[in-house]
Amino acid sequence: MRKRKLSIIVCMLILISTTLLIAAPSTVKSIDLPLSAPSYLRVGDLMFIESKHELGLEDLPGWDHVVMYIGADFFVEACPYPGWKKVQTTQILAYQYWVKDIAFGYVKTASETQRLQAVGFAMSQLGRPYQDAYECWWANANPDDPDDPYSDWWYCSELVWASYLNQGINIDVAPFPLPPKEGGDGIHLYVAPQDIADDDDVEIYTGGDPPYPPSKPSGPTSVKRLQTRLYSTSAIDPEGDDVILSVGLG
């Protein structure tokens, strides 16, 4: 049976903070305006940003910034804007004033529960200070580490990495083990946005992406021989293409 894409709306409590808006430049490269979140984005998906370096933001190898989608065109981020350095929620329209290029991705090994819990972790850090990388290079996924004075300070990719690491998924492609005497979490030295984009657990959305795996069927857990019972499941294609659901009996 051929079915159209099912649109799933996840209702979440979103804390919205005021975002600094910089005067829009005359042109913005590689993005369409007005900027909006693609319809296929799910809560917990990622947006990678290459910034306009003339605005004073750091130019890193590869992507400069990464944020996590929380729904309704909003993202949670460790915000690097001068004067606004903290963990906050930001509407996607605000990014168009300082980005040069963007890409959307997702953690392909994460279940829906892990994605929601990752967002929950990031949201629990709202208001925490932004951590400039030069202040402390240790990436720490434990915000309550008594041995790390910066454990609840976050730079952008550290927050995204920690949100998923606390759900059992390491999305850093280049770990640097730390000797125990050096402190930190003993796992990583520094996590850059490009490290997340390059990790095997992360996929960048491109044309022709396959549908997401169907959800676990819901219905009776036990059936007697020759009985008929109704079960339901759903699947979403990132590009909005038709999805064919086939049923096999085992």
Protein backbone atom coordinates (compact mmCIF):
# COMPACT_ATOMS: atom_id res chain seq x y z
CA MET A 1 0.00 0.00 0.00
CA ARG A 2 1.37 3.46 -0.88
CA LYS A 3 0.98 6.10 1.74
CA ARG A 4 1.79 9.78 1.84
CA LYS A 5 4.30 11.14 4.28
CA LEU A 6 2.94 11.46 7.78
CA SER A 7 3.63 14.76 9.50
CA ILE A 8 4.45 14.36 13.14
CA ILE A 9 4.28 17.40 15.37
CA VAL A 10 6.06 17.08 18.66
CA CYS A 11 4.72 19.52 21.20
CA MET A 12 7.40 20.73 23.58
CA LEU A 13 7.72 23.48 26.12
CA ILE A 14 10.07 25.93 24.47
CA LEU A 15 11.72 28.69 26.47
CA ILE A 16 12.34 31.56 24.08
CA SER A 17 15.09 34.06 24.83
CA THR A 18 15.69 37.40 23.19
CA THR A 19 18.28 37.08 20.43
CA LEU A 20 20.69 39.75 19.23
CA LEU A 21 19.89 40.76 15.65
CA ILE A 22 22.68 42.18 13.50
CA ALA A 23 21.92 44.36 10.49
CA ALA A 24 21.44 42.09 7.49
CA PRO A 25 24.17 42.22 4.83
CA SER A 26 23.21 42.88 1.22
CA THR A 27 23.71 39.25 0.20
CA VAL A 28 23.76 35.90 1.99
CA LYS A 29 25.62 33.06 0.29
CA SER A 30 24.24 29.54 -0.12
CA ILE A 31 20.99 30.00 1.81
CA ASP A 32 17.47 30.96 0.83
CA LEU A 33 15.72 33.84 2.59
CA PRO A 34 13.71 34.04 4.70
CA LEU A 35 15.48 31.21 6.51
CA SER A 36 13.19 28.50 7.88
CA ALA A 37 13.59 24.99 9.26
CA PRO A 38 12.95 22.27 6.63
CA SER A 39 9.72 20.36 7.18
CA TYR A 40 11.58 17.08 7.55
CA LEU A 41 13.61 18.21 10.61
CA ARG A 42 12.91 16.24 13.77
CA VAL A 43 13.49 17.30 17.36
CA GLY A 44 17.14 16.54 18.09
CA ASP A 45 18.38 17.12 14.53
CA LEU A 46 21.36 19.41 13.94
CA MET A 47 22.14 22.56 11.97
CA PHE A 48 25.76 23.31 11.03
CA ILE A 49 26.73 26.93 10.35
CA GLU A 50 29.57 28.66 8.51
CA SER A 51 29.62 32.22 9.82
CA LYS A 52 30.30 35.58 8.22
CA HIS A 53 33.73 36.11 9.68
CA GLU A 54 33.64 39.86 9.13
CA LEU A 55 31.13 39.98 12.00
CA GLY A 56 33.86 38.98 14.43
CA LEU A 57 33.02 35.32 15.01
CA GLU A 58 35.80 32.76 14.99
CA ASP A 59 36.69 30.96 11.76
CA LEU A 60 37.26 27.28 12.57
CA PRO A 61 38.39 24.53 10.19
CA GLY A 62 35.18 23.29 8.61
CA TRP A 63 31.90 24.35 10.21
CA ASP A 64 32.05 27.18 12.77
CA HIS A 65 28.92 26.47 14.82
CA VAL A 66 26.37 23.72 15.50
CA VAL A 67 22.92 23.90 17.12
CA MET A 68 20.15 21.41 17.94
CA TYR A 69 16.55 21.59 16.72
CA ILE A 70 13.83 21.75 19.39
CA GLY A 71 10.80 22.26 17.14
CA ALA A 72 8.69 25.13 15.78
CA ASP A 73 11.66 26.77 13.98
CA PHE A 74 13.70 27.06 17.20
CA PHE A 75 17.11 25.67 18.15
CA VAL A 76 18.95 25.31 21.45
CA GLU A 77 22.56 26.47 21.33
CA ALA A 78 25.56 27.56 23.33
CA CYS A 79 25.44 31.05 21.87
CA PRO A 80 28.72 32.67 20.74
CA TYR A 81 27.33 36.15 19.95
CA PRO A 82 29.46 38.83 21.66
CA GLY A 83 27.58 40.06 24.73
CA TRP A 84 25.10 37.16 24.67
CA LYS A 85 27.34 34.24 25.54
CA LYS A 86 25.10 31.66 27.18
CA VAL A 87 22.95 28.61 26.46
CA GLN A 88 19.68 29.82 24.95
CA THR A 89 16.97 29.06 22.43
CA THR A 90 17.11 30.90 19.11
CA GLN A 91 14.65 31.20 16.25
CA ILE A 92 16.11 30.21 12.89
CA LEU A 93 15.31 33.63 11.40
CA ALA A 94 17.98 35.16 13.67
CA TYR A 95 20.74 33.11 12.05
CA GLN A 96 20.26 34.61 8.61
CA TYR A 97 21.89 37.82 9.80
CA TRP A 98 25.28 36.23 10.43
CA VAL A 99 25.55 32.93 8.54
CA LYS A 100 27.19 32.39 5.16
CA ASP A 101 26.27 28.73 4.69
CA ILE A 102 24.29 26.05 6.55
CA ALA A 103 23.67 22.32 6.43
CA PHE A 104 21.19 20.14 8.28
CA GLY A 105 22.01 16.72 9.71
CA TYR A 106 20.75 14.06 12.07
CA VAL A 107 22.14 11.42 14.43
CA LYS A 108 21.18 8.33 12.47
CA THR A 109 21.91 5.89 15.31
CA ALA A 110 19.62 7.70 17.77
CA SER A 111 16.12 6.49 18.59
CA GLU A 112 13.27 8.96 19.02
CA THR A 113 13.62 8.61 22.79
CA GLN A 114 17.35 9.37 22.64
CA ARG A 115 16.75 12.42 20.43
CA LEU A 116 14.14 13.81 22.84
CA GLN A 117 16.34 13.11 25.85
CA ALA A 118 19.31 14.78 24.14
CA VAL A 119 17.20 17.91 23.67
CA GLY A 120 16.05 17.62 27.28
CA PHE A 121 19.65 17.60 28.45
CA ALA A 122 20.52 20.69 26.40
CA MET A 123 17.41 22.52 27.60
CA SER A 124 18.35 21.75 31.21
CA GLN A 125 21.45 23.90 30.66
CA LEU A 126 19.58 27.04 29.57
CA GLY A 127 21.19 30.16 31.00
CA ARG A 128 24.55 28.48 31.65
CA PRO A 129 27.56 30.54 30.50
CA TYR A 130 29.19 30.19 27.10
CA GLN A 131 32.70 28.76 27.30
CA ASP A 132 35.31 30.14 24.95
CA ALA A 133 37.51 27.29 23.82
CA TYR A 134 40.71 29.09 24.77
CA GLU A 135 39.55 29.28 28.41
CA CYS A 136 39.42 25.52 28.82
CA TRP A 137 40.03 22.93 26.12
CA TRP A 138 38.57 19.99 28.07
CA ALA A 139 35.24 18.76 26.72
CA ASN A 140 33.23 17.55 29.71
CA ALA A 141 29.84 15.87 29.38
CA ASN A 142 29.14 16.09 33.13
CA PRO A 143 27.89 19.57 34.11
CA ASP A 144 28.21 18.68 37.80
CA ASP A 145 31.87 17.63 37.79
CA PRO A 146 33.35 19.00 41.07
CA ASP A 147 36.87 18.79 39.66
CA ASP A 148 36.15 20.96 36.62
CA PRO A 149 35.34 24.66 37.24
CA TYR A 150 34.03 24.90 33.66
CA SER A 151 31.90 21.75 33.75
CA ASP A 152 28.64 23.70 33.37
CA TRP A 153 30.07 26.18 30.85
CA TRP A 154 29.49 25.21 27.23
CA TYR A 155 30.82 25.97 23.80
CA CYS A 156 28.47 25.07 20.96
CA SER A 157 29.73 21.68 19.83
CA GLU A 158 30.50 20.59 23.40
CA LEU A 159 26.83 21.08 24.35
CA VAL A 160 25.56 19.09 21.34
CA TRP A 161 28.16 16.33 21.90
CA ALA A 162 27.40 16.09 25.64
CA SER A 163 23.64 15.98 24.99
CA TYR A 164 24.04 12.83 22.90
CA LEU A 165 26.91 11.31 24.90
CA ASN A 166 24.63 11.32 27.94
CA GLN A 167 22.25 9.16 25.88
CA GLY A 168 25.04 6.69 25.06
CA ILE A 169 25.99 8.02 21.59
CA ASN A 170 29.43 9.54 20.99
CA ILE A 171 29.21 11.91 18.02
CA ASP A 172 32.84 13.07 18.06
CA VAL A 173 34.88 11.60 15.20
CA ALA A 174 38.27 12.47 16.73
CA PRO A 175 38.46 11.62 20.44
CA PHE A 176 41.56 12.58 22.41
CA PRO A 177 41.89 10.41 25.54
CA LEU A 178 43.03 12.37 28.55
CA PRO A 179 45.32 11.03 31.26
CA PRO A 180 43.34 10.83 34.53
CA LYS A 181 45.69 13.34 36.19
CA GLU A 182 44.72 15.98 33.64
CA GLY A 183 41.13 16.16 34.83
CA GLY A 184 38.12 16.64 32.58
CA ASP A 185 35.92 13.66 31.79
CA GLY A 186 38.78 11.44 30.66
CA ILE A 187 37.23 10.99 27.22
CA HIS A 188 37.89 13.98 24.99
CA LEU A 189 40.09 17.03 24.68
CA TYR A 190 38.09 19.19 22.30
CA VAL A 191 35.02 18.64 20.13
CA ALA A 192 34.70 20.86 17.05
CA PRO A 193 31.53 21.28 14.92
CA GLN A 194 33.32 19.58 12.01
CA ASP A 195 34.18 16.62 14.29
CA ILE A 196 30.43 16.09 14.80
CA ALA A 197 29.62 16.49 11.09
CA ASP A 198 32.28 13.89 10.18
CA ASP A 199 31.27 11.30 12.77
CA ASP A 200 29.86 7.97 11.55
CA ASP A 201 26.77 8.43 13.75
CA VAL A 202 25.85 11.66 11.96
CA GLU A 203 24.39 12.03 8.48
CA ILE A 204 24.04 15.29 6.53
CA TYR A 205 20.70 15.65 4.76
CA THR A 206 21.12 15.53 0.98
CA GLY A 207 18.81 14.77 -1.92
CA GLY A 208 17.69 11.16 -2.07
CA ASP A 209 17.98 10.33 1.64
CA PRO A 210 16.10 7.12 2.45
CA PRO A 211 13.06 7.21 4.73
CA TYR A 212 13.55 7.07 8.45
CA PRO A 213 13.05 3.57 9.90
CA PRO A 214 9.37 2.88 10.65
CA SER A 215 8.27 3.31 14.23
CA LYS A 216 7.74 0.22 16.37
CA PRO A 217 4.28 -1.20 15.50
CA SER A 218 1.65 -0.70 18.15
CA GLY A 219 -0.98 -3.32 18.85
CA PRO A 220 -1.67 -6.49 20.86
CA THR A 221 1.45 -8.28 22.11
CA SER A 222 -0.12 -11.74 21.94
CA VAL A 223 -2.41 -13.24 19.29
CA LYS A 224 -4.07 -16.63 19.18
CA ARG A 225 -3.89 -18.73 16.06
CA LEU A 226 -6.19 -17.57 13.22
CA GLN A 227 -7.13 -14.39 15.08
CA THR A 228 -7.10 -11.04 13.28
CA ARG A 229 -5.62 -8.03 15.06
CA LEU A 230 -4.91 -4.44 13.98
CA TYR A 231 -1.39 -2.96 14.21
CA SER A 232 -0.15 0.49 13.18
CA THR A 233 3.20 2.02 12.30
CA SER A 234 4.50 5.03 10.37
CA ALA A 235 7.55 6.24 8.47
CA ILE A 236 8.74 9.64 7.24
CA ASP A 237 10.84 10.44 4.19
CA PRO A 238 13.17 13.45 4.72
CA GLU A 239 12.42 14.89 1.28
CA GLY A 240 8.68 14.31 1.52
CA ASP A 241 8.63 11.50 -1.07
CA ASP A 242 6.02 8.75 -1.02
CA VAL A 243 6.78 5.87 1.33
CA ILE A 244 5.84 2.27 0.65
CA LEU A 245 5.16 0.22 3.76
CA SER A 246 5.35 -3.52 3.27
CA VAL A 247 4.40 -6.15 5.83
CA GLY A 248 6.17 -9.45 6.25
CA LEU A 249 5.04 -12.36 8.36
CA GLY A 250 7.65 -14.36 10.21
